[in-house]
Amino acid sequence: MRVIENNHNPNLLNGLYSTLQPYLTSQDPVKRGLSAKIIGLLKIKEEMQTLETLLKDNTVFKTFIDGKLIELKISETAKDAISRINSKG
């Protein structure tokens, strides 16, 4: 994730889009949550509708961020992704 966050040109990584798209609707909450996070980091507007449906998904998943195991809700991850996509920066 750090590579994506520090990349000043997210368009270079848009090839990941077709690979990530199916994971947004996966039965596995880790796949749904992490793909939503990456879609947000890449600012892929085409998935806004799917991200909006994930706002209702309160499933918790665990992931490592900065070397720490944390719990996140898919709905919060989707909300963050939508905010990133809508941000001008």
Protein backbone atom coordinates (compact mmCIF):
# COMPACT_ATOMS: atom_id res chain seq x y z
CA MET A 1 0.00 0.00 0.00
CA ARG A 2 2.86 2.36 0.74
CA VAL A 3 3.88 2.28 -2.95
CA ILE A 4 0.43 3.46 -3.97
CA GLU A 5 0.17 6.12 -1.24
CA ASN A 6 3.56 7.59 -2.16
CA ASN A 7 3.02 7.44 -5.92
CA HIS A 8 2.57 10.94 -7.31
CA ASN A 9 1.01 9.62 -10.52
CA PRO A 10 -1.71 7.08 -9.68
CA ASN A 11 -2.48 6.67 -13.40
CA LEU A 12 0.64 4.53 -13.65
CA LEU A 13 -1.11 1.88 -11.57
CA ASN A 14 -4.49 1.85 -13.31
CA GLY A 15 -3.63 -1.50 -14.91
CA LEU A 16 -4.49 -2.99 -11.52
CA TYR A 17 -8.11 -1.92 -11.94
CA SER A 18 -9.28 -4.93 -13.93
CA THR A 19 -7.53 -7.23 -11.47
CA LEU A 20 -9.06 -5.58 -8.39
CA GLN A 21 -12.61 -5.08 -9.67
CA PRO A 22 -13.91 -8.61 -8.89
CA TYR A 23 -12.60 -8.47 -5.32
CA LEU A 24 -14.95 -5.62 -4.39
CA THR A 25 -17.80 -8.14 -4.36
CA SER A 26 -15.86 -11.10 -2.96
CA GLN A 27 -17.31 -13.18 -0.14
CA ASP A 28 -13.99 -12.68 1.70
CA PRO A 29 -14.13 -9.47 3.79
CA VAL A 30 -10.35 -8.98 3.61
CA LYS A 31 -10.50 -9.00 -0.19
CA ARG A 32 -13.46 -6.57 -0.22
CA GLY A 33 -11.84 -4.22 2.28
CA LEU A 34 -8.37 -4.13 0.79
CA SER A 35 -9.61 -3.81 -2.78
CA ALA A 36 -11.80 -0.86 -1.71
CA LYS A 37 -8.76 0.74 -0.09
CA ILE A 38 -6.63 0.28 -3.19
CA ILE A 39 -9.42 1.50 -5.52
CA GLY A 40 -9.58 4.65 -3.39
CA LEU A 41 -5.83 5.13 -3.45
CA LEU A 42 -5.87 4.79 -7.24
CA LYS A 43 -8.88 7.15 -7.42
CA ILE A 44 -10.79 4.89 -9.80
CA LYS A 45 -14.09 6.72 -10.29
CA GLU A 46 -15.65 3.87 -12.27
CA GLU A 47 -16.20 1.92 -9.04
CA MET A 48 -18.05 4.64 -7.10
CA GLN A 49 -21.37 2.79 -7.30
CA THR A 50 -19.86 -0.41 -5.89
CA LEU A 51 -18.07 1.55 -3.16
CA GLU A 52 -21.37 3.18 -2.24
CA THR A 53 -22.95 -0.25 -1.73
CA LEU A 54 -20.04 -1.15 0.57
CA LEU A 55 -20.99 1.78 2.82
CA LYS A 56 -23.66 -0.55 4.26
CA ASP A 57 -21.17 -3.38 4.89
CA ASN A 58 -20.20 -3.24 8.57
CA THR A 59 -18.14 -6.41 8.40
CA VAL A 60 -14.84 -6.10 10.27
CA PHE A 61 -11.58 -7.33 8.76
CA LYS A 62 -8.01 -7.36 10.02
CA THR A 63 -5.00 -6.02 8.17
CA PHE A 64 -1.53 -4.70 8.89
CA ILE A 65 -0.87 -0.97 8.61
CA ASP A 66 2.54 0.41 9.54
CA GLY A 67 3.46 -2.96 11.01
CA LYS A 68 0.46 -3.10 13.35
CA LEU A 69 -2.47 -5.47 13.11
CA ILE A 70 -5.66 -3.41 13.13
CA GLU A 71 -9.37 -3.99 12.63
CA LEU A 72 -11.29 -1.97 10.07
CA LYS A 73 -14.90 -1.95 8.95
CA ILE A 74 -15.46 -2.34 5.24
CA SER A 75 -17.94 0.55 5.41
CA GLU A 76 -15.25 2.86 6.84
CA THR A 77 -12.75 1.73 4.21
CA ALA A 78 -15.31 2.40 1.45
CA LYS A 79 -16.08 5.83 2.92
CA ASP A 80 -12.38 6.69 2.93
CA ALA A 81 -12.03 5.44 -0.66
CA ILE A 82 -14.94 7.62 -1.81
CA SER A 83 -13.43 10.65 -0.06
CA ARG A 84 -10.08 10.04 -1.75
CA ILE A 85 -11.70 9.69 -5.16
CA ASN A 86 -13.66 12.91 -4.68
CA SER A 87 -10.67 14.86 -3.37
CA LYS A 88 -8.95 17.25 -5.75
CA GLY A 89 -5.45 16.55 -4.39
